[in-house]
Amino acid sequence: MRGTVTRVSRKDGSGSILAEDGKEVHFDRSKAGDNRVDDLRVGCWVEFELQYGFEWQCAVNVKRLQGDACQRP
């Protein structure tokens, strides 16, 4: 799936993505795979996989798409 980063917390390494289907999914550093969550910013266009957790869906293997010029704070 693809989507746009809507929230990033540097403190705990988590955030949210607004997926192309309009649903918001959560991600965290522990499930990001080999990708650097610290490089993500609000507005980044990303690709990810959905994993069904205990209470909600989570984004895993989150990676920024090539050529994306994330908005800088």
PDB file of N, CA and C in Angstrom:
ATOM      1  N   MET A   1       0.838  -1.174   0.000  1.00  0.00           N
ATOM      2  CA  MET A   1       0.000   0.000   0.000  1.00  0.00           C
ATOM      3  C   MET A   1       0.887   1.241   0.000  1.00  0.00           C
ATOM      4  N   ARG A   2       0.271   2.356  -0.324  1.00  0.00           N
ATOM      5  CA  ARG A   2       0.980   3.630  -0.288  1.00  0.00           C
ATOM      6  C   ARG A   2       0.156   4.647   0.481  1.00  0.00           C
ATOM      7  N   GLY A   3       0.848   5.669   0.981  1.00  0.00           N
ATOM      8  CA  GLY A   3       0.158   6.710   1.716  1.00  0.00           C
ATOM      9  C   GLY A   3       1.099   7.847   2.058  1.00  0.00           C
ATOM     10  N   THR A   4       0.576   8.785   2.849  1.00  0.00           N
ATOM     11  CA  THR A   4       1.311   9.976   3.244  1.00  0.00           C
ATOM     12  C   THR A   4       1.450  10.011   4.763  1.00  0.00           C
ATOM     13  N   VAL A   5       2.650  10.303   5.240  1.00  0.00           N
ATOM     14  CA  VAL A   5       2.884  10.409   6.677  1.00  0.00           C
ATOM     15  C   VAL A   5       2.132  11.627   7.212  1.00  0.00           C
ATOM     16  N   THR A   6       1.321  11.414   8.255  1.00  0.00           N
ATOM     17  CA  THR A   6       0.542  12.504   8.839  1.00  0.00           C
ATOM     18  C   THR A   6       1.029  12.913  10.223  1.00  0.00           C
ATOM     19  N   ARG A   7       1.801  12.026  10.881  1.00  0.00           N
ATOM     20  CA  ARG A   7       2.307  12.332  12.217  1.00  0.00           C
ATOM     21  C   ARG A   7       3.566  11.524  12.455  1.00  0.00           C
ATOM     22  N   VAL A   8       4.564  12.158  13.089  1.00  0.00           N
ATOM     23  CA  VAL A   8       5.796  11.464  13.462  1.00  0.00           C
ATOM     24  C   VAL A   8       6.206  11.928  14.848  1.00  0.00           C
ATOM     25  N   SER A   9       6.504  10.983  15.731  1.00  0.00           N
ATOM     26  CA  SER A   9       7.004  11.296  17.066  1.00  0.00           C
ATOM     27  C   SER A   9       8.446  10.808  17.149  1.00  0.00           C
ATOM     28  N   ARG A  10       9.368  11.735  17.249  1.00  0.00           N
ATOM     29  CA  ARG A  10      10.784  11.368  17.366  1.00  0.00           C
ATOM     30  C   ARG A  10      11.061  10.705  18.722  1.00  0.00           C
ATOM     31  N   LYS A  11      10.300  11.104  19.734  1.00  0.00           N
ATOM     32  CA  LYS A  11      10.515  10.597  21.086  1.00  0.00           C
ATOM     33  C   LYS A  11      10.349   9.084  21.172  1.00  0.00           C
ATOM     34  N   ASP A  12       9.245   8.570  20.634  1.00  0.00           N
ATOM     35  CA  ASP A  12       9.013   7.125  20.730  1.00  0.00           C
ATOM     36  C   ASP A  12       9.138   6.397  19.398  1.00  0.00           C
ATOM     37  N   GLY A  13       9.488   7.120  18.323  1.00  0.00           N
ATOM     38  CA  GLY A  13       9.711   6.482  17.026  1.00  0.00           C
ATOM     39  C   GLY A  13       8.460   5.933  16.384  1.00  0.00           C
ATOM     40  N   SER A  14       7.348   6.601  16.588  1.00  0.00           N
ATOM     41  CA  SER A  14       6.092   6.130  16.013  1.00  0.00           C
ATOM     42  C   SER A  14       5.454   7.227  15.170  1.00  0.00           C
ATOM     43  N   GLY A  15       4.377   6.876  14.503  1.00  0.00           N
ATOM     44  CA  GLY A  15       3.671   7.869  13.705  1.00  0.00           C
ATOM     45  C   GLY A  15       2.446   7.270  13.054  1.00  0.00           C
ATOM     46  N   SER A  16       1.854   8.059  12.157  1.00  0.00           N
ATOM     47  CA  SER A  16       0.653   7.637  11.455  1.00  0.00           C
ATOM     48  C   SER A  16       0.796   7.923   9.968  1.00  0.00           C
ATOM     49  N   ILE A  17       0.098   7.112   9.187  1.00  0.00           N
ATOM     50  CA  ILE A  17       0.085   7.247   7.733  1.00  0.00           C
ATOM     51  C   ILE A  17      -1.367   7.276   7.282  1.00  0.00           C
ATOM     52  N   LEU A  18      -1.689   8.217   6.391  1.00  0.00           N
ATOM     53  CA  LEU A  18      -3.002   8.235   5.757  1.00  0.00           C
ATOM     54  C   LEU A  18      -2.862   7.450   4.457  1.00  0.00           C
ATOM     55  N   ALA A  19      -3.462   6.261   4.426  1.00  0.00           N
ATOM     56  CA  ALA A  19      -3.340   5.375   3.272  1.00  0.00           C
ATOM     57  C   ALA A  19      -4.174   5.895   2.101  1.00  0.00           C
ATOM     58  N   GLU A  20      -3.881   5.391   0.918  1.00  0.00           N
ATOM     59  CA  GLU A  20      -4.606   5.797  -0.288  1.00  0.00           C
ATOM     60  C   GLU A  20      -6.101   5.513  -0.192  1.00  0.00           C
ATOM     61  N   ASP A  21      -6.474   4.517   0.609  1.00  0.00           N
ATOM     62  CA  ASP A  21      -7.892   4.175   0.744  1.00  0.00           C
ATOM     63  C   ASP A  21      -8.613   5.044   1.777  1.00  0.00           C
ATOM     64  N   GLY A  22      -7.885   6.031   2.365  1.00  0.00           N
ATOM     65  CA  GLY A  22      -8.500   6.961   3.314  1.00  0.00           C
ATOM     66  C   GLY A  22      -8.426   6.530   4.766  1.00  0.00           C
ATOM     67  N   LYS A  23      -7.883   5.362   5.045  1.00  0.00           N
ATOM     68  CA  LYS A  23      -7.754   4.884   6.418  1.00  0.00           C
ATOM     69  C   LYS A  23      -6.413   5.309   6.997  1.00  0.00           C
ATOM     70  N   GLU A  24      -6.410   5.604   8.289  1.00  0.00           N
ATOM     71  CA  GLU A  24      -5.173   5.973   8.960  1.00  0.00           C
ATOM     72  C   GLU A  24      -4.626   4.748   9.687  1.00  0.00           C
ATOM     73  N   VAL A  25      -3.320   4.495   9.506  1.00  0.00           N
ATOM     74  CA  VAL A  25      -2.676   3.357  10.151  1.00  0.00           C
ATOM     75  C   VAL A  25      -1.465   3.848  10.940  1.00  0.00           C
ATOM     76  N   HIS A  26      -1.131   3.128  11.980  1.00  0.00           N
ATOM     77  CA  HIS A  26      -0.046   3.474  12.892  1.00  0.00           C
ATOM     78  C   HIS A  26       1.218   2.702  12.510  1.00  0.00           C
ATOM     79  N   PHE A  27       2.385   3.297  12.748  1.00  0.00           N
ATOM     80  CA  PHE A  27       3.642   2.578  12.592  1.00  0.00           C
ATOM     81  C   PHE A  27       4.555   2.908  13.758  1.00  0.00           C
ATOM     82  N   ASP A  28       5.525   2.033  14.019  1.00  0.00           N
ATOM     83  CA  ASP A  28       6.546   2.339  15.024  1.00  0.00           C
ATOM     84  C   ASP A  28       7.886   1.773  14.590  1.00  0.00           C
ATOM     85  N   ARG A  29       8.913   2.277  15.215  1.00  0.00           N
ATOM     86  CA  ARG A  29      10.291   1.944  14.850  1.00  0.00           C
ATOM     87  C   ARG A  29      10.544   0.440  14.863  1.00  0.00           C
ATOM     88  N   SER A  30       9.965  -0.281  15.808  1.00  0.00           N
ATOM     89  CA  SER A  30      10.238  -1.710  15.944  1.00  0.00           C
ATOM     90  C   SER A  30       9.712  -2.526  14.768  1.00  0.00           C
ATOM     91  N   LYS A  31       8.754  -2.003  14.017  1.00  0.00           N
ATOM     92  CA  LYS A  31       8.167  -2.744  12.897  1.00  0.00           C
ATOM     93  C   LYS A  31       8.523  -2.142  11.534  1.00  0.00           C
ATOM     94  N   ALA A  32       9.416  -1.174  11.520  1.00  0.00           N
ATOM     95  CA  ALA A  32       9.736  -0.486  10.268  1.00  0.00           C
ATOM     96  C   ALA A  32      10.701  -1.269   9.386  1.00  0.00           C
ATOM     97  N   GLY A  33      11.193  -2.377   9.860  1.00  0.00           N
ATOM     98  CA  GLY A  33      12.135  -3.169   9.077  1.00  0.00           C
ATOM     99  C   GLY A  33      13.505  -2.497   9.062  1.00  0.00           C
ATOM    100  N   ASP A  34      14.180  -2.562   7.944  1.00  0.00           N
ATOM    101  CA  ASP A  34      15.516  -1.977   7.815  1.00  0.00           C
ATOM    102  C   ASP A  34      15.472  -0.488   7.484  1.00  0.00           C
ATOM    103  N   ASN A  35      14.307   0.078   7.438  1.00  0.00           N
ATOM    104  CA  ASN A  35      14.143   1.464   7.018  1.00  0.00           C
ATOM    105  C   ASN A  35      14.246   2.418   8.205  1.00  0.00           C
ATOM    106  N   ARG A  36      14.725   3.605   7.941  1.00  0.00           N
ATOM    107  CA  ARG A  36      14.957   4.584   8.999  1.00  0.00           C
ATOM    108  C   ARG A  36      13.727   5.464   9.214  1.00  0.00           C
ATOM    109  N   VAL A  37      13.007   5.205  10.291  1.00  0.00           N
ATOM    110  CA  VAL A  37      11.833   6.000  10.640  1.00  0.00           C
ATOM    111  C   VAL A  37      12.241   7.439  10.932  1.00  0.00           C
ATOM    112  N   ASP A  38      13.456   7.626  11.462  1.00  0.00           N
ATOM    113  CA  ASP A  38      13.906   8.979  11.797  1.00  0.00           C
ATOM    114  C   ASP A  38      14.031   9.873  10.575  1.00  0.00           C
ATOM    115  N   ASP A  39      14.109   9.303   9.372  1.00  0.00           N
ATOM    116  CA  ASP A  39      14.192  10.089   8.146  1.00  0.00           C
ATOM    117  C   ASP A  39      12.823  10.534   7.641  1.00  0.00           C
ATOM    118  N   LEU A  40      11.755  10.015   8.215  1.00  0.00           N
ATOM    119  CA  LEU A  40      10.409  10.365   7.757  1.00  0.00           C
ATOM    120  C   LEU A  40       9.969  11.699   8.335  1.00  0.00           C
ATOM    121  N   ARG A  41       9.221  12.431   7.558  1.00  0.00           N
ATOM    122  CA  ARG A  41       8.652  13.716   7.964  1.00  0.00           C
ATOM    123  C   ARG A  41       7.181  13.732   7.554  1.00  0.00           C
ATOM    124  N   VAL A  42       6.397  14.596   8.163  1.00  0.00           N
ATOM    125  CA  VAL A  42       5.009  14.782   7.755  1.00  0.00           C
ATOM    126  C   VAL A  42       5.009  15.199   6.287  1.00  0.00           C
ATOM    127  N   GLY A  43       4.172  14.545   5.507  1.00  0.00           N
ATOM    128  CA  GLY A  43       4.079  14.834   4.086  1.00  0.00           C
ATOM    129  C   GLY A  43       4.855  13.872   3.205  1.00  0.00           C
ATOM    130  N   CYS A  44       5.702  13.014   3.790  1.00  0.00           N
ATOM    131  CA  CYS A  44       6.458  12.036   2.998  1.00  0.00           C
ATOM    132  C   CYS A  44       5.504  11.023   2.378  1.00  0.00           C
ATOM    133  N   TRP A  45       5.769  10.665   1.145  1.00  0.00           N
ATOM    134  CA  TRP A  45       5.019   9.640   0.434  1.00  0.00           C
ATOM    135  C   TRP A  45       5.737   8.324   0.685  1.00  0.00           C
ATOM    136  N   VAL A  46       5.046   7.336   1.235  1.00  0.00           N
ATOM    137  CA  VAL A  46       5.666   6.083   1.636  1.00  0.00           C
ATOM    138  C   VAL A  46       4.926   4.872   1.089  1.00  0.00           C
ATOM    139  N   GLU A  47       5.630   3.756   1.114  1.00  0.00           N
ATOM    140  CA  GLU A  47       5.046   2.469   0.765  1.00  0.00           C
ATOM    141  C   GLU A  47       5.157   1.599   2.012  1.00  0.00           C
ATOM    142  N   PHE A  48       4.172   0.761   2.263  1.00  0.00           N
ATOM    143  CA  PHE A  48       4.170  -0.063   3.471  1.00  0.00           C
ATOM    144  C   PHE A  48       3.297  -1.290   3.275  1.00  0.00           C
ATOM    145  N   GLU A  49       3.419  -2.215   4.208  1.00  0.00           N
ATOM    146  CA  GLU A  49       2.566  -3.394   4.248  1.00  0.00           C
ATOM    147  C   GLU A  49       1.680  -3.298   5.482  1.00  0.00           C
ATOM    148  N   LEU A  50       0.487  -3.838   5.388  1.00  0.00           N
ATOM    149  CA  LEU A  50      -0.418  -3.863   6.537  1.00  0.00           C
ATOM    150  C   LEU A  50      -0.238  -5.149   7.323  1.00  0.00           C
ATOM    151  N   GLN A  51      -0.220  -5.004   8.629  1.00  0.00           N
ATOM    152  CA  GLN A  51      -0.182  -6.164   9.518  1.00  0.00           C
ATOM    153  C   GLN A  51      -1.342  -6.007  10.478  1.00  0.00           C
ATOM    154  N   TYR A  52      -2.083  -7.060  10.674  1.00  0.00           N
ATOM    155  CA  TYR A  52      -3.235  -6.997  11.552  1.00  0.00           C
ATOM    156  C   TYR A  52      -2.805  -7.311  12.965  1.00  0.00           C
ATOM    157  N   GLY A  53      -2.866  -6.292  13.829  1.00  0.00           N
ATOM    158  CA  GLY A  53      -2.461  -6.447  15.215  1.00  0.00           C
ATOM    159  C   GLY A  53      -3.613  -6.871  16.093  1.00  0.00           C
ATOM    160  N   PHE A  54      -3.377  -6.848  17.381  1.00  0.00           N
ATOM    161  CA  PHE A  54      -4.381  -7.265  18.362  1.00  0.00           C
ATOM    162  C   PHE A  54      -5.608  -6.357  18.337  1.00  0.00           C
ATOM    163  N   GLU A  55      -5.390  -5.038  18.273  1.00  0.00           N
ATOM    164  CA  GLU A  55      -6.513  -4.104  18.327  1.00  0.00           C
ATOM    165  C   GLU A  55      -6.759  -3.349  17.028  1.00  0.00           C
ATOM    166  N   TRP A  56      -5.734  -3.164  16.214  1.00  0.00           N
ATOM    167  CA  TRP A  56      -5.880  -2.375  14.984  1.00  0.00           C
ATOM    168  C   TRP A  56      -4.817  -2.773  13.974  1.00  0.00           C
ATOM    169  N   GLN A  57      -4.966  -2.237  12.765  1.00  0.00           N
ATOM    170  CA  GLN A  57      -3.978  -2.500  11.722  1.00  0.00           C
ATOM    171  C   GLN A  57      -2.745  -1.642  11.952  1.00  0.00           C
ATOM    172  N   CYS A  58      -1.582  -2.192  11.638  1.00  0.00           N
ATOM    173  CA  CYS A  58      -0.324  -1.466  11.756  1.00  0.00           C
ATOM    174  C   CYS A  58       0.401  -1.486  10.417  1.00  0.00           C
ATOM    175  N   ALA A  59       1.153  -0.428  10.154  1.00  0.00           N
ATOM    176  CA  ALA A  59       1.995  -0.373   8.966  1.00  0.00           C
ATOM    177  C   ALA A  59       3.361  -0.958   9.322  1.00  0.00           C
ATOM    178  N   VAL A  60       3.847  -1.878   8.507  1.00  0.00           N
ATOM    179  CA  VAL A  60       5.171  -2.464   8.709  1.00  0.00           C
ATOM    180  C   VAL A  60       5.976  -2.309   7.418  1.00  0.00           C
ATOM    181  N   ASN A  61       7.291  -2.440   7.541  1.00  0.00           N
ATOM    182  CA  ASN A  61       8.187  -2.275   6.394  1.00  0.00           C
ATOM    183  C   ASN A  61       7.935  -0.948   5.678  1.00  0.00           C
ATOM    184  N   VAL A  62       7.836   0.103   6.463  1.00  0.00           N
ATOM    185  CA  VAL A  62       7.578   1.438   5.927  1.00  0.00           C
ATOM    186  C   VAL A  62       8.835   1.958   5.246  1.00  0.00           C
ATOM    187  N   LYS A  63       8.699   2.386   3.989  1.00  0.00           N
ATOM    188  CA  LYS A  63       9.851   2.973   3.301  1.00  0.00           C
ATOM    189  C   LYS A  63       9.416   4.157   2.451  1.00  0.00           C
ATOM    190  N   ARG A  64      10.242   5.176   2.482  1.00  0.00           N
ATOM    191  CA  ARG A  64       9.987   6.381   1.700  1.00  0.00           C
ATOM    192  C   ARG A  64      10.180   6.057   0.228  1.00  0.00           C
ATOM    193  N   LEU A  65       9.295   6.570  -0.605  1.00  0.00           N
ATOM    194  CA  LEU A  65       9.402   6.317  -2.036  1.00  0.00           C
ATOM    195  C   LEU A  65      10.485   7.188  -2.659  1.00  0.00           C
ATOM    196  N   GLN A  66      11.182   6.634  -3.634  1.00  0.00           N
ATOM    197  CA  GLN A  66      12.255   7.355  -4.326  1.00  0.00           C
ATOM    198  C   GLN A  66      11.691   8.611  -4.993  1.00  0.00           C
ATOM    199  N   GLY A  67      12.469   9.668  -4.942  1.00  0.00           N
ATOM    200  CA  GLY A  67      12.080  10.910  -5.597  1.00  0.00           C
ATOM    201  C   GLY A  67      11.128  11.764  -4.786  1.00  0.00           C
ATOM    202  N   ASP A  68      10.765  11.306  -3.592  1.00  0.00           N
ATOM    203  CA  ASP A  68       9.844  12.075  -2.754  1.00  0.00           C
ATOM    204  C   ASP A  68      10.593  13.221  -2.089  1.00  0.00           C
ATOM    205  N   ALA A  69      10.052  14.413  -2.192  1.00  0.00           N
ATOM    206  CA  ALA A  69      10.652  15.575  -1.531  1.00  0.00           C
ATOM    207  C   ALA A  69       9.776  15.931  -0.346  1.00  0.00           C
ATOM    208  N   CYS A  70       9.992  15.240   0.776  1.00  0.00           N
ATOM    209  CA  CYS A  70       9.197  15.460   1.984  1.00  0.00           C
ATOM    210  C   CYS A  70       9.216  16.923   2.375  1.00  0.00           C
ATOM    211  N   GLN A  71       8.096  17.370   2.925  1.00  0.00           N
ATOM    212  CA  GLN A  71       8.048  18.721   3.477  1.00  0.00           C
ATOM    213  C   GLN A  71       8.943  18.752   4.698  1.00  0.00           C
ATOM    214  N   ARG A  72       9.737  19.759   4.803  1.00  0.00           N
ATOM    215  CA  ARG A  72      10.607  19.905   5.981  1.00  0.00           C
ATOM    216  C   ARG A  72       9.954  20.857   6.966  1.00  0.00           C
ATOM    217  N   PRO A  73      10.039  20.523   8.278  1.00  0.00           N
ATOM    218  CA  PRO A  73       9.420  21.393   9.287  1.00  0.00           C
ATOM    219  C   PRO A  73      10.115  22.738   9.366  1.00  0.00           C
TER     220      PRO A  73
END
